[in-house]
Amino acid sequence: MHIGDIQLSPAPWGRCIISGLARPQAAQMSLDKPIPADAGGARLTVLSLEAVVLLLKRSGSRQASVDTVRADLAAGAPQNADGTINLIAYGAWLVRDLAHREGGHAG
């Protein structure tokens, strides 16, 4: 299932725009590749550590590894009571952490 094209805006803040309008150089996001059962399927709120790493790598992360996610969890990244990870909450934590490290104004 094709969910849109990612285009980087020429604006200085580099906003990503997801749209149905394709440009030849645009990277296409697709859910055509099945996610293995151990990746938690479509439940982005209840993923194993390994599934989080798999999904981050599939989305283009070059730094994602089990060790980096474990280090983030040790540094205070959110984790569910059963040890699983909510990818949405984890992503928000990463953005906030990055903003703090760069001197931004994150909540």
PDB file of N, CA and C in Angstrom:
ATOM      1  N   MET A   1       0.845  -1.168   0.000  1.00  0.00           N
ATOM      2  CA  MET A   1       0.000   0.000   0.000  1.00  0.00           C
ATOM      3  C   MET A   1       0.893   1.233   0.000  1.00  0.00           C
ATOM      4  N   HIS A   2       0.728   2.094  -0.939  1.00  0.00           N
ATOM      5  CA  HIS A   2       1.508   3.320  -1.037  1.00  0.00           C
ATOM      6  C   HIS A   2       0.848   4.401  -0.197  1.00  0.00           C
ATOM      7  N   ILE A   3       1.629   5.040   0.691  1.00  0.00           N
ATOM      8  CA  ILE A   3       1.017   6.044   1.557  1.00  0.00           C
ATOM      9  C   ILE A   3       1.454   7.461   1.240  1.00  0.00           C
ATOM     10  N   GLY A   4       2.275   7.660   0.232  1.00  0.00           N
ATOM     11  CA  GLY A   4       2.620   9.025  -0.141  1.00  0.00           C
ATOM     12  C   GLY A   4       4.087   9.175  -0.465  1.00  0.00           C
ATOM     13  N   ASP A   5       4.442  10.362  -0.857  1.00  0.00           N
ATOM     14  CA  ASP A   5       5.802  10.692  -1.218  1.00  0.00           C
ATOM     15  C   ASP A   5       6.353  11.674  -0.201  1.00  0.00           C
ATOM     16  N   ILE A   6       7.626  11.531   0.103  1.00  0.00           N
ATOM     17  CA  ILE A   6       8.261  12.466   1.017  1.00  0.00           C
ATOM     18  C   ILE A   6       9.087  13.427   0.186  1.00  0.00           C
ATOM     19  N   GLN A   7       8.865  14.694   0.399  1.00  0.00           N
ATOM     20  CA  GLN A   7       9.618  15.718  -0.292  1.00  0.00           C
ATOM     21  C   GLN A   7      10.167  16.674   0.743  1.00  0.00           C
ATOM     22  N   LEU A   8      11.429  17.050   0.600  1.00  0.00           N
ATOM     23  CA  LEU A   8      11.997  18.031   1.502  1.00  0.00           C
ATOM     24  C   LEU A   8      11.718  19.415   0.970  1.00  0.00           C
ATOM     25  N   SER A   9      11.198  20.259   1.816  1.00  0.00           N
ATOM     26  CA  SER A   9      10.882  21.627   1.453  1.00  0.00           C
ATOM     27  C   SER A   9      12.171  22.413   1.265  1.00  0.00           C
ATOM     28  N   PRO A  10      12.206  23.357   0.337  1.00  0.00           N
ATOM     29  CA  PRO A  10      13.402  24.190   0.178  1.00  0.00           C
ATOM     30  C   PRO A  10      13.558  25.195   1.320  1.00  0.00           C
ATOM     31  N   ALA A  11      12.607  25.246   2.223  1.00  0.00           N
ATOM     32  CA  ALA A  11      12.681  26.181   3.344  1.00  0.00           C
ATOM     33  C   ALA A  11      13.892  25.833   4.217  1.00  0.00           C
ATOM     34  N   PRO A  12      14.483  26.811   4.892  1.00  0.00           N
ATOM     35  CA  PRO A  12      15.693  26.562   5.674  1.00  0.00           C
ATOM     36  C   PRO A  12      15.512  25.586   6.825  1.00  0.00           C
ATOM     37  N   TRP A  13      14.308  25.433   7.331  1.00  0.00           N
ATOM     38  CA  TRP A  13      14.091  24.508   8.439  1.00  0.00           C
ATOM     39  C   TRP A  13      13.882  23.088   7.959  1.00  0.00           C
ATOM     40  N   GLY A  14      13.867  22.847   6.636  1.00  0.00           N
ATOM     41  CA  GLY A  14      13.822  21.506   6.069  1.00  0.00           C
ATOM     42  C   GLY A  14      12.591  20.706   6.418  1.00  0.00           C
ATOM     43  N   ARG A  15      11.424  21.308   6.347  1.00  0.00           N
ATOM     44  CA  ARG A  15      10.177  20.621   6.668  1.00  0.00           C
ATOM     45  C   ARG A  15       9.915  19.512   5.654  1.00  0.00           C
ATOM     46  N   CYS A  16       9.448  18.361   6.131  1.00  0.00           N
ATOM     47  CA  CYS A  16       9.065  17.264   5.246  1.00  0.00           C
ATOM     48  C   CYS A  16       7.589  17.406   4.905  1.00  0.00           C
ATOM     49  N   ILE A  17       7.266  17.176   3.665  1.00  0.00           N
ATOM     50  CA  ILE A  17       5.892  17.237   3.211  1.00  0.00           C
ATOM     51  C   ILE A  17       5.551  15.871   2.641  1.00  0.00           C
ATOM     52  N   ILE A  18       4.479  15.266   3.120  1.00  0.00           N
ATOM     53  CA  ILE A  18       4.026  13.989   2.575  1.00  0.00           C
ATOM     54  C   ILE A  18       2.799  14.281   1.741  1.00  0.00           C
ATOM     55  N   SER A  19       2.877  13.925   0.477  1.00  0.00           N
ATOM     56  CA  SER A  19       1.776  14.211  -0.419  1.00  0.00           C
ATOM     57  C   SER A  19       1.625  13.095  -1.430  1.00  0.00           C
ATOM     58  N   GLY A  20       0.538  13.148  -2.163  1.00  0.00           N
ATOM     59  CA  GLY A  20       0.307  12.170  -3.216  1.00  0.00           C
ATOM     60  C   GLY A  20       0.923  12.599  -4.542  1.00  0.00           C
ATOM     61  N   LEU A  21       1.442  13.819  -4.600  1.00  0.00           N
ATOM     62  CA  LEU A  21       2.042  14.303  -5.824  1.00  0.00           C
ATOM     63  C   LEU A  21       3.480  13.816  -5.919  1.00  0.00           C
ATOM     64  N   ALA A  22       3.747  12.990  -6.915  1.00  0.00           N
ATOM     65  CA  ALA A  22       5.073  12.386  -7.023  1.00  0.00           C
ATOM     66  C   ALA A  22       5.996  13.252  -7.860  1.00  0.00           C
ATOM     67  N   ARG A  23       7.225  13.367  -7.391  1.00  0.00           N
ATOM     68  CA  ARG A  23       8.292  13.964  -8.182  1.00  0.00           C
ATOM     69  C   ARG A  23       9.282  12.849  -8.430  1.00  0.00           C
ATOM     70  N   PRO A  24       9.949  12.818  -9.572  1.00  0.00           N
ATOM     71  CA  PRO A  24      10.845  11.706  -9.873  1.00  0.00           C
ATOM     72  C   PRO A  24      11.911  11.472  -8.801  1.00  0.00           C
ATOM     73  N   GLN A  25      12.425  12.528  -8.187  1.00  0.00           N
ATOM     74  CA  GLN A  25      13.475  12.356  -7.198  1.00  0.00           C
ATOM     75  C   GLN A  25      12.931  12.122  -5.789  1.00  0.00           C
ATOM     76  N   ALA A  26      11.626  12.121  -5.624  1.00  0.00           N
ATOM     77  CA  ALA A  26      11.038  11.948  -4.290  1.00  0.00           C
ATOM     78  C   ALA A  26      11.173  10.499  -3.845  1.00  0.00           C
ATOM     79  N   ALA A  27      11.493  10.316  -2.580  1.00  0.00           N
ATOM     80  CA  ALA A  27      11.547   8.970  -2.005  1.00  0.00           C
ATOM     81  C   ALA A  27      10.134   8.542  -1.684  1.00  0.00           C
ATOM     82  N   GLN A  28       9.774   7.333  -2.048  1.00  0.00           N
ATOM     83  CA  GLN A  28       8.421   6.867  -1.792  1.00  0.00           C
ATOM     84  C   GLN A  28       8.394   5.968  -0.575  1.00  0.00           C
ATOM     85  N   MET A  29       7.460   6.275   0.328  1.00  0.00           N
ATOM     86  CA  MET A  29       7.241   5.401   1.476  1.00  0.00           C
ATOM     87  C   MET A  29       6.203   4.374   1.072  1.00  0.00           C
ATOM     88  N   SER A  30       6.434   3.157   1.457  1.00  0.00           N
ATOM     89  CA  SER A  30       5.523   2.107   1.065  1.00  0.00           C
ATOM     90  C   SER A  30       5.397   1.080   2.176  1.00  0.00           C
ATOM     91  N   LEU A  31       4.215   0.531   2.307  1.00  0.00           N
ATOM     92  CA  LEU A  31       3.996  -0.559   3.246  1.00  0.00           C
ATOM     93  C   LEU A  31       3.866  -1.880   2.502  1.00  0.00           C
ATOM     94  N   ASP A  32       4.406  -1.929   1.267  1.00  0.00           N
ATOM     95  CA  ASP A  32       4.309  -3.135   0.464  1.00  0.00           C
ATOM     96  C   ASP A  32       5.082  -4.296   1.085  1.00  0.00           C
ATOM     97  N   LYS A  33       6.213  -4.002   1.739  1.00  0.00           N
ATOM     98  CA  LYS A  33       6.997  -5.061   2.357  1.00  0.00           C
ATOM     99  C   LYS A  33       6.322  -5.472   3.654  1.00  0.00           C
ATOM    100  N   PRO A  34       6.014  -6.738   3.799  1.00  0.00           N
ATOM    101  CA  PRO A  34       5.369  -7.151   5.052  1.00  0.00           C
ATOM    102  C   PRO A  34       6.330  -7.022   6.216  1.00  0.00           C
ATOM    103  N   ILE A  35       5.805  -6.641   7.355  1.00  0.00           N
ATOM    104  CA  ILE A  35       6.598  -6.555   8.576  1.00  0.00           C
ATOM    105  C   ILE A  35       6.526  -7.924   9.238  1.00  0.00           C
ATOM    106  N   PRO A  36       7.680  -8.494   9.613  1.00  0.00           N
ATOM    107  CA  PRO A  36       7.662  -9.810  10.247  1.00  0.00           C
ATOM    108  C   PRO A  36       6.810  -9.812  11.518  1.00  0.00           C
ATOM    109  N   ALA A  37       6.315 -10.979  11.862  1.00  0.00           N
ATOM    110  CA  ALA A  37       5.452 -11.097  13.040  1.00  0.00           C
ATOM    111  C   ALA A  37       6.134 -10.580  14.300  1.00  0.00           C
ATOM    112  N   ASP A  38       7.465 -10.761  14.399  1.00  0.00           N
ATOM    113  CA  ASP A  38       8.160 -10.306  15.601  1.00  0.00           C
ATOM    114  C   ASP A  38       8.300  -8.791  15.656  1.00  0.00           C
ATOM    115  N   ALA A  39       7.924  -8.086  14.584  1.00  0.00           N
ATOM    116  CA  ALA A  39       7.972  -6.627  14.587  1.00  0.00           C
ATOM    117  C   ALA A  39       6.698  -6.046  15.179  1.00  0.00           C
ATOM    118  N   GLY A  40       5.779  -6.868  15.590  1.00  0.00           N
ATOM    119  CA  GLY A  40       4.583  -6.381  16.262  1.00  0.00           C
ATOM    120  C   GLY A  40       3.479  -5.977  15.313  1.00  0.00           C
ATOM    121  N   GLY A  41       3.608  -6.285  14.027  1.00  0.00           N
ATOM    122  CA  GLY A  41       2.567  -5.916  13.075  1.00  0.00           C
ATOM    123  C   GLY A  41       2.333  -4.422  13.042  1.00  0.00           C
ATOM    124  N   ALA A  42       1.082  -4.020  13.095  1.00  0.00           N
ATOM    125  CA  ALA A  42       0.741  -2.610  12.996  1.00  0.00           C
ATOM    126  C   ALA A  42       0.599  -1.946  14.359  1.00  0.00           C
ATOM    127  N   ARG A  43       0.920  -2.631  15.443  1.00  0.00           N
ATOM    128  CA  ARG A  43       0.767  -2.075  16.789  1.00  0.00           C
ATOM    129  C   ARG A  43       2.029  -1.307  17.169  1.00  0.00           C
ATOM    130  N   LEU A  44       2.101  -0.077  16.740  1.00  0.00           N
ATOM    131  CA  LEU A  44       3.279   0.749  16.989  1.00  0.00           C
ATOM    132  C   LEU A  44       3.428   1.141  18.451  1.00  0.00           C
ATOM    133  N   THR A  45       2.441   0.824  19.254  1.00  0.00           N
ATOM    134  CA  THR A  45       2.487   1.186  20.665  1.00  0.00           C
ATOM    135  C   THR A  45       3.001   0.064  21.554  1.00  0.00           C
ATOM    136  N   VAL A  46       3.222  -1.113  20.980  1.00  0.00           N
ATOM    137  CA  VAL A  46       3.662  -2.269  21.766  1.00  0.00           C
ATOM    138  C   VAL A  46       4.677  -3.053  20.935  1.00  0.00           C
ATOM    139  N   LEU A  47       5.919  -2.555  20.888  1.00  0.00           N
ATOM    140  CA  LEU A  47       6.957  -3.186  20.069  1.00  0.00           C
ATOM    141  C   LEU A  47       8.119  -3.652  20.929  1.00  0.00           C
ATOM    142  N   SER A  48       8.724  -4.746  20.506  1.00  0.00           N
ATOM    143  CA  SER A  48       9.944  -5.198  21.168  1.00  0.00           C
ATOM    144  C   SER A  48      11.085  -4.265  20.767  1.00  0.00           C
ATOM    145  N   LEU A  49      12.152  -4.314  21.533  1.00  0.00           N
ATOM    146  CA  LEU A  49      13.332  -3.501  21.241  1.00  0.00           C
ATOM    147  C   LEU A  49      13.842  -3.785  19.831  1.00  0.00           C
ATOM    148  N   GLU A  50      13.897  -5.054  19.468  1.00  0.00           N
ATOM    149  CA  GLU A  50      14.388  -5.452  18.149  1.00  0.00           C
ATOM    150  C   GLU A  50      13.469  -4.948  17.037  1.00  0.00           C
ATOM    151  N   ALA A  51      12.159  -4.960  17.285  1.00  0.00           N
ATOM    152  CA  ALA A  51      11.201  -4.471  16.288  1.00  0.00           C
ATOM    153  C   ALA A  51      11.349  -2.970  16.086  1.00  0.00           C
ATOM    154  N   VAL A  52      11.601  -2.233  17.169  1.00  0.00           N
ATOM    155  CA  VAL A  52      11.824  -0.784  17.055  1.00  0.00           C
ATOM    156  C   VAL A  52      13.041  -0.523  16.178  1.00  0.00           C
ATOM    157  N   VAL A  53      14.121  -1.257  16.423  1.00  0.00           N
ATOM    158  CA  VAL A  53      15.337  -1.082  15.623  1.00  0.00           C
ATOM    159  C   VAL A  53      15.061  -1.408  14.162  1.00  0.00           C
ATOM    160  N   LEU A  54      14.350  -2.500  13.910  1.00  0.00           N
ATOM    161  CA  LEU A  54      14.011  -2.893  12.540  1.00  0.00           C
ATOM    162  C   LEU A  54      13.222  -1.797  11.831  1.00  0.00           C
ATOM    163  N   LEU A  55      12.209  -1.259  12.497  1.00  0.00           N
ATOM    164  CA  LEU A  55      11.385  -0.223  11.876  1.00  0.00           C
ATOM    165  C   LEU A  55      12.164   1.071  11.666  1.00  0.00           C
ATOM    166  N   LEU A  56      13.011   1.438  12.611  1.00  0.00           N
ATOM    167  CA  LEU A  56      13.830   2.640  12.441  1.00  0.00           C
ATOM    168  C   LEU A  56      14.794   2.480  11.269  1.00  0.00           C
ATOM    169  N   LYS A  57      15.401   1.307  11.142  1.00  0.00           N
ATOM    170  CA  LYS A  57      16.314   1.062  10.021  1.00  0.00           C
ATOM    171  C   LYS A  57      15.567   1.075   8.690  1.00  0.00           C
ATOM    172  N   ARG A  58      14.372   0.484   8.655  1.00  0.00           N
ATOM    173  CA  ARG A  58      13.575   0.491   7.426  1.00  0.00           C
ATOM    174  C   ARG A  58      13.145   1.892   7.035  1.00  0.00           C
ATOM    175  N   SER A  59      13.054   2.786   8.022  1.00  0.00           N
ATOM    176  CA  SER A  59      12.647   4.153   7.723  1.00  0.00           C
ATOM    177  C   SER A  59      13.841   5.034   7.393  1.00  0.00           C
ATOM    178  N   GLY A  60      15.045   4.473   7.390  1.00  0.00           N
ATOM    179  CA  GLY A  60      16.218   5.209   6.942  1.00  0.00           C
ATOM    180  C   GLY A  60      17.238   5.557   8.001  1.00  0.00           C
ATOM    181  N   SER A  61      17.021   5.162   9.239  1.00  0.00           N
ATOM    182  CA  SER A  61      17.982   5.485  10.296  1.00  0.00           C
ATOM    183  C   SER A  61      19.280   4.723  10.085  1.00  0.00           C
ATOM    184  N   ARG A  62      20.375   5.439  10.180  1.00  0.00           N
ATOM    185  CA  ARG A  62      21.693   4.801  10.062  1.00  0.00           C
ATOM    186  C   ARG A  62      22.287   4.500  11.426  1.00  0.00           C
ATOM    187  N   GLN A  63      21.793   5.171  12.476  1.00  0.00           N
ATOM    188  CA  GLN A  63      22.332   4.978  13.816  1.00  0.00           C
ATOM    189  C   GLN A  63      21.540   3.982  14.653  1.00  0.00           C
ATOM    190  N   ALA A  64      20.388   3.554  14.202  1.00  0.00           N
ATOM    191  CA  ALA A  64      19.544   2.668  15.007  1.00  0.00           C
ATOM    192  C   ALA A  64      20.232   1.329  15.235  1.00  0.00           C
ATOM    193  N   SER A  65      20.321   0.959  16.494  1.00  0.00           N
ATOM    194  CA  SER A  65      20.835  -0.355  16.866  1.00  0.00           C
ATOM    195  C   SER A  65      20.240  -0.703  18.221  1.00  0.00           C
ATOM    196  N   VAL A  66      20.343  -1.955  18.592  1.00  0.00           N
ATOM    197  CA  VAL A  66      19.842  -2.387  19.891  1.00  0.00           C
ATOM    198  C   VAL A  66      20.563  -1.611  20.984  1.00  0.00           C
ATOM    199  N   ASP A  67      21.859  -1.401  20.818  1.00  0.00           N
ATOM    200  CA  ASP A  67      22.630  -0.681  21.839  1.00  0.00           C
ATOM    201  C   ASP A  67      22.197   0.778  21.976  1.00  0.00           C
ATOM    202  N   THR A  68      21.918   1.461  20.860  1.00  0.00           N
ATOM    203  CA  THR A  68      21.513   2.868  20.954  1.00  0.00           C
ATOM    204  C   THR A  68      20.136   2.998  21.589  1.00  0.00           C
ATOM    205  N   VAL A  69      19.214   2.091  21.262  1.00  0.00           N
ATOM    206  CA  VAL A  69      17.884   2.160  21.876  1.00  0.00           C
ATOM    207  C   VAL A  69      17.995   1.838  23.374  1.00  0.00           C
ATOM    208  N   ARG A  70      18.818   0.852  23.727  1.00  0.00           N
ATOM    209  CA  ARG A  70      19.019   0.542  25.159  1.00  0.00           C
ATOM    210  C   ARG A  70      19.605   1.747  25.895  1.00  0.00           C
ATOM    211  N   ALA A  71      20.557   2.430  25.274  1.00  0.00           N
ATOM    212  CA  ALA A  71      21.149   3.620  25.894  1.00  0.00           C
ATOM    213  C   ALA A  71      20.097   4.712  26.069  1.00  0.00           C
ATOM    214  N   ASP A  72      19.219   4.875  25.077  1.00  0.00           N
ATOM    215  CA  ASP A  72      18.144   5.866  25.191  1.00  0.00           C
ATOM    216  C   ASP A  72      17.197   5.508  26.333  1.00  0.00           C
ATOM    217  N   LEU A  73      16.866   4.224  26.464  1.00  0.00           N
ATOM    218  CA  LEU A  73      15.990   3.786  27.554  1.00  0.00           C
ATOM    219  C   LEU A  73      16.650   4.060  28.906  1.00  0.00           C
ATOM    220  N   ALA A  74      17.954   3.811  28.994  1.00  0.00           N
ATOM    221  CA  ALA A  74      18.676   4.091  30.236  1.00  0.00           C
ATOM    222  C   ALA A  74      18.730   5.587  30.535  1.00  0.00           C
ATOM    223  N   ALA A  75      18.674   6.411  29.471  1.00  0.00           N
ATOM    224  CA  ALA A  75      18.722   7.868  29.629  1.00  0.00           C
ATOM    225  C   ALA A  75      17.345   8.466  29.897  1.00  0.00           C
ATOM    226  N   GLY A  76      16.307   7.627  29.928  1.00  0.00           N
ATOM    227  CA  GLY A  76      14.979   8.127  30.274  1.00  0.00           C
ATOM    228  C   GLY A  76      13.932   8.039  29.190  1.00  0.00           C
ATOM    229  N   ALA A  77      14.241   7.413  28.069  1.00  0.00           N
ATOM    230  CA  ALA A  77      13.227   7.241  27.019  1.00  0.00           C
ATOM    231  C   ALA A  77      12.073   6.408  27.584  1.00  0.00           C
ATOM    232  N   PRO A  78      10.840   6.710  27.155  1.00  0.00           N
ATOM    233  CA  PRO A  78       9.689   5.993  27.708  1.00  0.00           C
ATOM    234  C   PRO A  78       9.658   4.521  27.290  1.00  0.00           C
ATOM    235  N   GLN A  79       9.186   3.703  28.217  1.00  0.00           N
ATOM    236  CA  GLN A  79       9.044   2.271  27.961  1.00  0.00           C
ATOM    237  C   GLN A  79       7.775   1.799  28.654  1.00  0.00           C
ATOM    238  N   ASN A  80       7.055   0.903  28.014  1.00  0.00           N
ATOM    239  CA  ASN A  80       5.839   0.350  28.607  1.00  0.00           C
ATOM    240  C   ASN A  80       6.191  -0.508  29.820  1.00  0.00           C
ATOM    241  N   ALA A  81       5.230  -0.706  30.700  1.00  0.00           N
ATOM    242  CA  ALA A  81       5.440  -1.484  31.925  1.00  0.00           C
ATOM    243  C   ALA A  81       5.888  -2.915  31.635  1.00  0.00           C
ATOM    244  N   ASP A  82       5.450  -3.460  30.486  1.00  0.00           N
ATOM    245  CA  ASP A  82       5.816  -4.843  30.159  1.00  0.00           C
ATOM    246  C   ASP A  82       7.147  -4.945  29.417  1.00  0.00           C
ATOM    247  N   GLY A  83       7.879  -3.821  29.292  1.00  0.00           N
ATOM    248  CA  GLY A  83       9.178  -3.836  28.630  1.00  0.00           C
ATOM    249  C   GLY A  83       9.130  -3.532  27.147  1.00  0.00           C
ATOM    250  N   THR A  84       7.940  -3.435  26.573  1.00  0.00           N
ATOM    251  CA  THR A  84       7.820  -3.089  25.166  1.00  0.00           C
ATOM    252  C   THR A  84       7.957  -1.578  25.005  1.00  0.00           C
ATOM    253  N   ILE A  85       8.023  -1.126  23.763  1.00  0.00           N
ATOM    254  CA  ILE A  85       8.244   0.291  23.473  1.00  0.00           C
ATOM    255  C   ILE A  85       7.112   0.815  22.598  1.00  0.00           C
ATOM    256  N   ASN A  86       6.613   1.979  22.957  1.00  0.00           N
ATOM    257  CA  ASN A  86       5.643   2.700  22.140  1.00  0.00           C
ATOM    258  C   ASN A  86       6.464   3.548  21.181  1.00  0.00           C
ATOM    259  N   LEU A  87       6.480   3.194  19.903  1.00  0.00           N
ATOM    260  CA  LEU A  87       7.321   3.882  18.923  1.00  0.00           C
ATOM    261  C   LEU A  87       6.967   5.357  18.799  1.00  0.00           C
ATOM    262  N   ILE A  88       5.712   5.690  18.963  1.00  0.00           N
ATOM    263  CA  ILE A  88       5.283   7.085  18.851  1.00  0.00           C
ATOM    264  C   ILE A  88       5.835   7.899  20.024  1.00  0.00           C
ATOM    265  N   ALA A  89       5.706   7.374  21.232  1.00  0.00           N
ATOM    266  CA  ALA A  89       6.239   8.064  22.408  1.00  0.00           C
ATOM    267  C   ALA A  89       7.760   8.129  22.349  1.00  0.00           C
ATOM    268  N   TYR A  90       8.403   7.067  21.888  1.00  0.00           N
ATOM    269  CA  TYR A  90       9.858   7.040  21.765  1.00  0.00           C
ATOM    270  C   TYR A  90      10.326   8.079  20.740  1.00  0.00           C
ATOM    271  N   GLY A  91       9.642   8.155  19.608  1.00  0.00           N
ATOM    272  CA  GLY A  91       9.991   9.151  18.596  1.00  0.00           C
ATOM    273  C   GLY A  91       9.856  10.569  19.128  1.00  0.00           C
ATOM    274  N   ALA A  92       8.791  10.825  19.873  1.00  0.00           N
ATOM    275  CA  ALA A  92       8.602  12.153  20.470  1.00  0.00           C
ATOM    276  C   ALA A  92       9.718  12.450  21.468  1.00  0.00           C
ATOM    277  N   TRP A  93      10.123  11.448  22.247  1.00  0.00           N
ATOM    278  CA  TRP A  93      11.212  11.626  23.202  1.00  0.00           C
ATOM    279  C   TRP A  93      12.503  11.952  22.472  1.00  0.00           C
ATOM    280  N   LEU A  94      12.769  11.254  21.351  1.00  0.00           N
ATOM    281  CA  LEU A  94      13.978  11.524  20.575  1.00  0.00           C
ATOM    282  C   LEU A  94      14.005  12.959  20.054  1.00  0.00           C
ATOM    283  N   VAL A  95      12.872  13.431  19.558  1.00  0.00           N
ATOM    284  CA  VAL A  95      12.792  14.800  19.045  1.00  0.00           C
ATOM    285  C   VAL A  95      13.034  15.798  20.169  1.00  0.00           C
ATOM    286  N   ARG A  96      12.400  15.571  21.316  1.00  0.00           N
ATOM    287  CA  ARG A  96      12.585  16.472  22.457  1.00  0.00           C
ATOM    288  C   ARG A  96      14.032  16.454  22.939  1.00  0.00           C
ATOM    289  N   ASP A  97      14.636  15.273  23.005  1.00  0.00           N
ATOM    290  CA  ASP A  97      16.026  15.151  23.430  1.00  0.00           C
ATOM    291  C   ASP A  97      16.955  15.888  22.468  1.00  0.00           C
ATOM    292  N   LEU A  98      16.715  15.739  21.190  1.00  0.00           N
ATOM    293  CA  LEU A  98      17.526  16.435  20.183  1.00  0.00           C
ATOM    294  C   LEU A  98      17.382  17.941  20.314  1.00  0.00           C
ATOM    295  N   ALA A  99      16.168  18.408  20.522  1.00  0.00           N
ATOM    296  CA  ALA A  99      15.924  19.844  20.674  1.00  0.00           C
ATOM    297  C   ALA A  99      16.654  20.383  21.907  1.00  0.00           C
ATOM    298  N   HIS A 100      16.643  19.625  22.996  1.00  0.00           N
ATOM    299  CA  HIS A 100      17.340  20.062  24.211  1.00  0.00           C
ATOM    300  C   HIS A 100      18.848  20.111  23.979  1.00  0.00           C
ATOM    301  N   ARG A 101      19.374  19.096  23.283  1.00  0.00           N
ATOM    302  CA  ARG A 101      20.817  19.062  23.030  1.00  0.00           C
ATOM    303  C   ARG A 101      21.255  20.188  22.101  1.00  0.00           C
ATOM    304  N   GLU A 102      20.377  20.612  21.198  1.00  0.00           N
ATOM    305  CA  GLU A 102      20.705  21.688  20.258  1.00  0.00           C
ATOM    306  C   GLU A 102      20.288  23.050  20.781  1.00  0.00           C
ATOM    307  N   GLY A 103      19.806  23.098  22.011  1.00  0.00           N
ATOM    308  CA  GLY A 103      19.430  24.383  22.596  1.00  0.00           C
ATOM    309  C   GLY A 103      18.089  24.884  22.168  1.00  0.00           C
ATOM    310  N   GLY A 104      17.225  23.998  21.667  1.00  0.00           N
ATOM    311  CA  GLY A 104      15.890  24.389  21.225  1.00  0.00           C
ATOM    312  C   GLY A 104      14.947  24.577  22.382  1.00  0.00           C
ATOM    313  N   HIS A 105      13.716  24.822  22.069  1.00  0.00           N
ATOM    314  CA  HIS A 105      12.676  25.064  23.074  1.00  0.00           C
ATOM    315  C   HIS A 105      11.636  23.958  22.992  1.00  0.00           C
ATOM    316  N   ALA A 106      11.969  22.794  23.477  1.00  0.00           N
ATOM    317  CA  ALA A 106      11.009  21.692  23.475  1.00  0.00           C
ATOM    318  C   ALA A 106      10.433  21.550  24.871  1.00  0.00           C
ATOM    319  N   GLY A 107       9.122  21.221  24.907  1.00  0.00           N
ATOM    320  CA  GLY A 107       8.345  21.081  26.110  1.00  0.00           C
ATOM    321  C   GLY A 107       9.024  20.508  27.249  1.00  0.00           C
TER     322      GLY A 107
END
